[in-house]
Amino acid sequence: MECKAEKIAQSCPCTWVSCPIRGKCCDCIARHRSKDELPACYFSPEAERTYDRSFKNFAKDKGLI
C-alpha cells in the first residue's frame, strides 16, 4: 500500500503544522493512543485549537457531557 502522507497533510485539520507526523495517519493515531488521546481529526475546529486531545475534551466537544 502506498503512503499518501503528502496529499493527506494538505487537508489535515491539525493546526500544529510543524508536526513531524502530520499527514501520516497511522503514526498519528498510534502516537495519540499511546498518550490516551485522540488525534485532531476527531475534534471540531474550535476544540482542536485548544490542543486538548483528551477523551474528556472529545466528549465535551461532541456534547456528551
PDB file of N, CA and C in Angstrom:
ATOM      1  N   MET A   1       0.847  -1.177   0.000  1.00  0.00           N
ATOM      2  CA  MET A   1       0.000   0.000   0.000  1.00  0.00           C
ATOM      3  C   MET A   1       0.894   1.242   0.000  1.00  0.00           C
ATOM      4  N   GLU A   2       0.526   2.179  -0.785  1.00  0.00           N
ATOM      5  CA  GLU A   2       1.273   3.434  -0.913  1.00  0.00           C
ATOM      6  C   GLU A   2       0.844   4.436   0.163  1.00  0.00           C
ATOM      7  N   CYS A   3       1.821   5.070   0.800  1.00  0.00           N
ATOM      8  CA  CYS A   3       1.521   6.106   1.786  1.00  0.00           C
ATOM      9  C   CYS A   3       1.215   7.407   1.050  1.00  0.00           C
ATOM     10  N   LYS A   4       0.134   8.041   1.433  1.00  0.00           N
ATOM     11  CA  LYS A   4      -0.302   9.278   0.789  1.00  0.00           C
ATOM     12  C   LYS A   4      -0.175  10.463   1.740  1.00  0.00           C
ATOM     13  N   ALA A   5       0.873  10.445   2.575  1.00  0.00           N
ATOM     14  CA  ALA A   5       1.046  11.452   3.616  1.00  0.00           C
ATOM     15  C   ALA A   5       1.082  12.870   3.071  1.00  0.00           C
ATOM     16  N   GLU A   6       1.777  13.098   1.977  1.00  0.00           N
ATOM     17  CA  GLU A   6       1.866  14.468   1.440  1.00  0.00           C
ATOM     18  C   GLU A   6       0.499  14.991   1.031  1.00  0.00           C
ATOM     19  N   LYS A   7      -0.297  14.157   0.397  1.00  0.00           N
ATOM     20  CA  LYS A   7      -1.637  14.566  -0.031  1.00  0.00           C
ATOM     21  C   LYS A   7      -2.555  14.777   1.180  1.00  0.00           C
ATOM     22  N   ILE A   8      -2.472  13.867   2.132  1.00  0.00           N
ATOM     23  CA  ILE A   8      -3.308  13.962   3.330  1.00  0.00           C
ATOM     24  C   ILE A   8      -2.944  15.195   4.150  1.00  0.00           C
ATOM     25  N   ALA A   9      -1.665  15.515   4.243  1.00  0.00           N
ATOM     26  CA  ALA A   9      -1.218  16.666   5.037  1.00  0.00           C
ATOM     27  C   ALA A   9      -1.848  17.967   4.560  1.00  0.00           C
ATOM     28  N   GLN A  10      -2.182  18.048   3.294  1.00  0.00           N
ATOM     29  CA  GLN A  10      -2.795  19.264   2.749  1.00  0.00           C
ATOM     30  C   GLN A  10      -4.174  19.520   3.341  1.00  0.00           C
ATOM     31  N   SER A  11      -4.881  18.454   3.732  1.00  0.00           N
ATOM     32  CA  SER A  11      -6.229  18.627   4.278  1.00  0.00           C
ATOM     33  C   SER A  11      -6.314  18.245   5.759  1.00  0.00           C
ATOM     34  N   CYS A  12      -5.186  17.947   6.375  1.00  0.00           N
ATOM     35  CA  CYS A  12      -5.170  17.565   7.786  1.00  0.00           C
ATOM     36  C   CYS A  12      -5.660  18.735   8.636  1.00  0.00           C
ATOM     37  N   PRO A  13      -6.610  18.490   9.557  1.00  0.00           N
ATOM     38  CA  PRO A  13      -7.152  19.580  10.372  1.00  0.00           C
ATOM     39  C   PRO A  13      -6.267  19.982  11.549  1.00  0.00           C
ATOM     40  N   CYS A  14      -5.174  19.293  11.755  1.00  0.00           N
ATOM     41  CA  CYS A  14      -4.284  19.630  12.869  1.00  0.00           C
ATOM     42  C   CYS A  14      -3.624  20.979  12.605  1.00  0.00           C
ATOM     43  N   THR A  15      -3.685  21.868  13.589  1.00  0.00           N
ATOM     44  CA  THR A  15      -3.111  23.199  13.414  1.00  0.00           C
ATOM     45  C   THR A  15      -1.630  23.251  13.792  1.00  0.00           C
ATOM     46  N   TRP A  16      -1.073  22.142  14.244  1.00  0.00           N
ATOM     47  CA  TRP A  16       0.357  22.071  14.527  1.00  0.00           C
ATOM     48  C   TRP A  16       1.063  21.681  13.229  1.00  0.00           C
ATOM     49  N   VAL A  17       1.301  22.670  12.381  1.00  0.00           N
ATOM     50  CA  VAL A  17       1.808  22.423  11.026  1.00  0.00           C
ATOM     51  C   VAL A  17       3.242  21.918  10.995  1.00  0.00           C
ATOM     52  N   SER A  18       4.010  22.085  12.054  1.00  0.00           N
ATOM     53  CA  SER A  18       5.381  21.590  12.074  1.00  0.00           C
ATOM     54  C   SER A  18       5.490  20.175  12.644  1.00  0.00           C
ATOM     55  N   CYS A  19       4.377  19.527  12.890  1.00  0.00           N
ATOM     56  CA  CYS A  19       4.378  18.167  13.427  1.00  0.00           C
ATOM     57  C   CYS A  19       5.070  17.227  12.442  1.00  0.00           C
ATOM     58  N   PRO A  20       6.045  16.447  12.901  1.00  0.00           N
ATOM     59  CA  PRO A  20       6.769  15.560  12.000  1.00  0.00           C
ATOM     60  C   PRO A  20       5.949  14.397  11.462  1.00  0.00           C
ATOM     61  N   ILE A  21       4.811  14.101  12.067  1.00  0.00           N
ATOM     62  CA  ILE A  21       3.976  13.006  11.566  1.00  0.00           C
ATOM     63  C   ILE A  21       2.673  13.500  10.933  1.00  0.00           C
ATOM     64  N   ARG A  22       2.589  14.773  10.682  1.00  0.00           N
ATOM     65  CA  ARG A  22       1.393  15.365  10.074  1.00  0.00           C
ATOM     66  C   ARG A  22       1.126  14.713   8.716  1.00  0.00           C
ATOM     67  N   GLY A  23      -0.069  14.218   8.522  1.00  0.00           N
ATOM     68  CA  GLY A  23      -0.445  13.552   7.280  1.00  0.00           C
ATOM     69  C   GLY A  23      -0.179  12.060   7.288  1.00  0.00           C
ATOM     70  N   LYS A  24       0.516  11.580   8.299  1.00  0.00           N
ATOM     71  CA  LYS A  24       0.804  10.146   8.437  1.00  0.00           C
ATOM     72  C   LYS A  24      -0.164   9.589   9.473  1.00  0.00           C
ATOM     73  N   CYS A  25      -1.384   9.335   9.032  1.00  0.00           N
ATOM     74  CA  CYS A  25      -2.479   8.996   9.941  1.00  0.00           C
ATOM     75  C   CYS A  25      -2.169   7.809  10.845  1.00  0.00           C
ATOM     76  N   CYS A  26      -1.575   6.757  10.304  1.00  0.00           N
ATOM     77  CA  CYS A  26      -1.263   5.583  11.125  1.00  0.00           C
ATOM     78  C   CYS A  26      -0.340   5.959  12.273  1.00  0.00           C
ATOM     79  N   ASP A  27       0.694   6.742  11.982  1.00  0.00           N
ATOM     80  CA  ASP A  27       1.630   7.167  13.019  1.00  0.00           C
ATOM     81  C   ASP A  27       0.965   8.128  13.999  1.00  0.00           C
ATOM     82  N   CYS A  28       0.136   9.009  13.497  1.00  0.00           N
ATOM     83  CA  CYS A  28      -0.555   9.990  14.334  1.00  0.00           C
ATOM     84  C   CYS A  28      -1.492   9.295  15.326  1.00  0.00           C
ATOM     85  N   ILE A  29      -2.281   8.379  14.834  1.00  0.00           N
ATOM     86  CA  ILE A  29      -3.213   7.668  15.709  1.00  0.00           C
ATOM     87  C   ILE A  29      -2.446   6.870  16.757  1.00  0.00           C
ATOM     88  N   ALA A  30      -1.381   6.180  16.344  1.00  0.00           N
ATOM     89  CA  ALA A  30      -0.582   5.392  17.292  1.00  0.00           C
ATOM     90  C   ALA A  30       0.030   6.293  18.362  1.00  0.00           C
ATOM     91  N   ARG A  31       0.545   7.438  17.961  1.00  0.00           N
ATOM     92  CA  ARG A  31       1.161   8.359  18.928  1.00  0.00           C
ATOM     93  C   ARG A  31       0.142   8.849  19.943  1.00  0.00           C
ATOM     94  N   HIS A  32      -1.018   9.274  19.467  1.00  0.00           N
ATOM     95  CA  HIS A  32      -2.030   9.793  20.383  1.00  0.00           C
ATOM     96  C   HIS A  32      -2.625   8.688  21.257  1.00  0.00           C
ATOM     97  N   ARG A  33      -2.798   7.490  20.704  1.00  0.00           N
ATOM     98  CA  ARG A  33      -3.305   6.374  21.520  1.00  0.00           C
ATOM     99  C   ARG A  33      -2.356   6.058  22.659  1.00  0.00           C
ATOM    100  N   SER A  34      -1.049   6.137  22.386  1.00  0.00           N
ATOM    101  CA  SER A  34      -0.066   5.833  23.429  1.00  0.00           C
ATOM    102  C   SER A  34      -0.112   6.844  24.566  1.00  0.00           C
ATOM    103  N   LYS A  35      -0.720   7.999  24.315  1.00  0.00           N
ATOM    104  CA  LYS A  35      -0.842   9.057  25.331  1.00  0.00           C
ATOM    105  C   LYS A  35      -2.279   9.183  25.842  1.00  0.00           C
ATOM    106  N   ASP A  36      -3.128   8.176  25.533  1.00  0.00           N
ATOM    107  CA  ASP A  36      -4.556   8.203  25.896  1.00  0.00           C
ATOM    108  C   ASP A  36      -5.236   9.451  25.361  1.00  0.00           C
ATOM    109  N   GLU A  37      -4.975   9.745  24.092  1.00  0.00           N
ATOM    110  CA  GLU A  37      -5.554  10.906  23.419  1.00  0.00           C
ATOM    111  C   GLU A  37      -6.159  10.494  22.089  1.00  0.00           C
ATOM    112  N   LEU A  38      -6.855  11.436  21.483  1.00  0.00           N
ATOM    113  CA  LEU A  38      -7.362  11.287  20.120  1.00  0.00           C
ATOM    114  C   LEU A  38      -6.663  12.314  19.230  1.00  0.00           C
ATOM    115  N   PRO A  39      -6.517  12.021  17.943  1.00  0.00           N
ATOM    116  CA  PRO A  39      -5.888  12.992  17.034  1.00  0.00           C
ATOM    117  C   PRO A  39      -6.835  14.141  16.688  1.00  0.00           C
ATOM    118  N   ALA A  40      -6.281  15.184  16.122  1.00  0.00           N
ATOM    119  CA  ALA A  40      -7.021  16.409  15.797  1.00  0.00           C
ATOM    120  C   ALA A  40      -8.253  16.160  14.949  1.00  0.00           C
ATOM    121  N   CYS A  41      -8.190  15.200  14.040  1.00  0.00           N
ATOM    122  CA  CYS A  41      -9.293  14.994  13.099  1.00  0.00           C
ATOM    123  C   CYS A  41     -10.594  14.543  13.769  1.00  0.00           C
ATOM    124  N   TYR A  42     -10.552  14.195  15.044  1.00  0.00           N
ATOM    125  CA  TYR A  42     -11.763  13.804  15.761  1.00  0.00           C
ATOM    126  C   TYR A  42     -12.512  15.007  16.339  1.00  0.00           C
ATOM    127  N   PHE A  43     -11.872  16.160  16.380  1.00  0.00           N
ATOM    128  CA  PHE A  43     -12.431  17.330  17.056  1.00  0.00           C
ATOM    129  C   PHE A  43     -12.962  18.378  16.082  1.00  0.00           C
ATOM    130  N   SER A  44     -13.862  19.200  16.586  1.00  0.00           N
ATOM    131  CA  SER A  44     -14.310  20.361  15.819  1.00  0.00           C
ATOM    132  C   SER A  44     -13.126  21.322  15.698  1.00  0.00           C
ATOM    133  N   PRO A  45     -13.138  22.227  14.734  1.00  0.00           N
ATOM    134  CA  PRO A  45     -12.029  23.184  14.607  1.00  0.00           C
ATOM    135  C   PRO A  45     -11.787  23.992  15.887  1.00  0.00           C
ATOM    136  N   GLU A  46     -12.847  24.352  16.580  1.00  0.00           N
ATOM    137  CA  GLU A  46     -12.709  25.133  17.813  1.00  0.00           C
ATOM    138  C   GLU A  46     -12.017  24.317  18.913  1.00  0.00           C
ATOM    139  N   ALA A  47     -12.450  23.090  19.092  1.00  0.00           N
ATOM    140  CA  ALA A  47     -11.855  22.233  20.123  1.00  0.00           C
ATOM    141  C   ALA A  47     -10.432  21.834  19.747  1.00  0.00           C
ATOM    142  N   GLU A  48     -10.165  21.645  18.476  1.00  0.00           N
ATOM    143  CA  GLU A  48      -8.816  21.268  18.034  1.00  0.00           C
ATOM    144  C   GLU A  48      -7.813  22.354  18.385  1.00  0.00           C
ATOM    145  N   ARG A  49      -8.200  23.604  18.259  1.00  0.00           N
ATOM    146  CA  ARG A  49      -7.286  24.715  18.526  1.00  0.00           C
ATOM    147  C   ARG A  49      -6.863  24.818  19.997  1.00  0.00           C
ATOM    148  N   THR A  50      -7.548  24.098  20.894  1.00  0.00           N
ATOM    149  CA  THR A  50      -7.159  24.105  22.305  1.00  0.00           C
ATOM    150  C   THR A  50      -5.980  23.168  22.566  1.00  0.00           C
ATOM    151  N   TYR A  51      -5.678  22.300  21.620  1.00  0.00           N
ATOM    152  CA  TYR A  51      -4.630  21.278  21.743  1.00  0.00           C
ATOM    153  C   TYR A  51      -4.896  20.295  22.877  1.00  0.00           C
ATOM    154  N   ASP A  52      -6.117  20.286  23.407  1.00  0.00           N
ATOM    155  CA  ASP A  52      -6.503  19.310  24.431  1.00  0.00           C
ATOM    156  C   ASP A  52      -7.095  18.113  23.698  1.00  0.00           C
ATOM    157  N   ARG A  53      -6.321  17.051  23.570  1.00  0.00           N
ATOM    158  CA  ARG A  53      -6.729  15.866  22.811  1.00  0.00           C
ATOM    159  C   ARG A  53      -7.307  14.760  23.692  1.00  0.00           C
ATOM    160  N   SER A  54      -7.687  15.118  24.915  1.00  0.00           N
ATOM    161  CA  SER A  54      -8.190  14.124  25.862  1.00  0.00           C
ATOM    162  C   SER A  54      -9.570  13.601  25.453  1.00  0.00           C
ATOM    163  N   PHE A  55      -9.878  12.392  25.950  1.00  0.00           N
ATOM    164  CA  PHE A  55     -11.194  11.811  25.700  1.00  0.00           C
ATOM    165  C   PHE A  55     -12.280  12.684  26.339  1.00  0.00           C
ATOM    166  N   LYS A  56     -11.960  13.267  27.497  1.00  0.00           N
ATOM    167  CA  LYS A  56     -12.933  14.140  28.170  1.00  0.00           C
ATOM    168  C   LYS A  56     -13.254  15.356  27.300  1.00  0.00           C
ATOM    169  N   ASN A  57     -12.228  15.956  26.701  1.00  0.00           N
ATOM    170  CA  ASN A  57     -12.468  17.110  25.838  1.00  0.00           C
ATOM    171  C   ASN A  57     -13.238  16.701  24.580  1.00  0.00           C
ATOM    172  N   PHE A  58     -12.975  15.499  24.078  1.00  0.00           N
ATOM    173  CA  PHE A  58     -13.728  14.982  22.928  1.00  0.00           C
ATOM    174  C   PHE A  58     -15.212  14.858  23.286  1.00  0.00           C
ATOM    175  N   ALA A  59     -15.500  14.264  24.444  1.00  0.00           N
ATOM    176  CA  ALA A  59     -16.896  14.102  24.879  1.00  0.00           C
ATOM    177  C   ALA A  59     -17.567  15.463  25.057  1.00  0.00           C
ATOM    178  N   LYS A  60     -16.844  16.402  25.619  1.00  0.00           N
ATOM    179  CA  LYS A  60     -17.367  17.771  25.799  1.00  0.00           C
ATOM    180  C   LYS A  60     -17.642  18.411  24.435  1.00  0.00           C
ATOM    181  N   ASP A  61     -16.711  18.262  23.531  1.00  0.00           N
ATOM    182  CA  ASP A  61     -16.837  18.835  22.185  1.00  0.00           C
ATOM    183  C   ASP A  61     -18.054  18.279  21.449  1.00  0.00           C
ATOM    184  N   LYS A  62     -18.351  17.000  21.676  1.00  0.00           N
ATOM    185  CA  LYS A  62     -19.472  16.351  20.995  1.00  0.00           C
ATOM    186  C   LYS A  62     -20.782  16.466  21.778  1.00  0.00           C
ATOM    187  N   GLY A  63     -20.746  17.196  22.900  1.00  0.00           N
ATOM    188  CA  GLY A  63     -21.962  17.415  23.691  1.00  0.00           C
ATOM    189  C   GLY A  63     -22.401  16.194  24.484  1.00  0.00           C
ATOM    190  N   LEU A  64     -21.479  15.308  24.799  1.00  0.00           N
ATOM    191  CA  LEU A  64     -21.814  14.092  25.530  1.00  0.00           C
ATOM    192  C   LEU A  64     -21.734  14.289  27.036  1.00  0.00           C
ATOM    193  N   ILE A  65     -21.062  15.355  27.454  1.00  0.00           N
ATOM    194  CA  ILE A  65     -21.013  15.674  28.891  1.00  0.00           C
ATOM    195  C   ILE A  65     -21.217  17.157  29.073  1.00  0.00           C
TER     196      ILE A  65
END
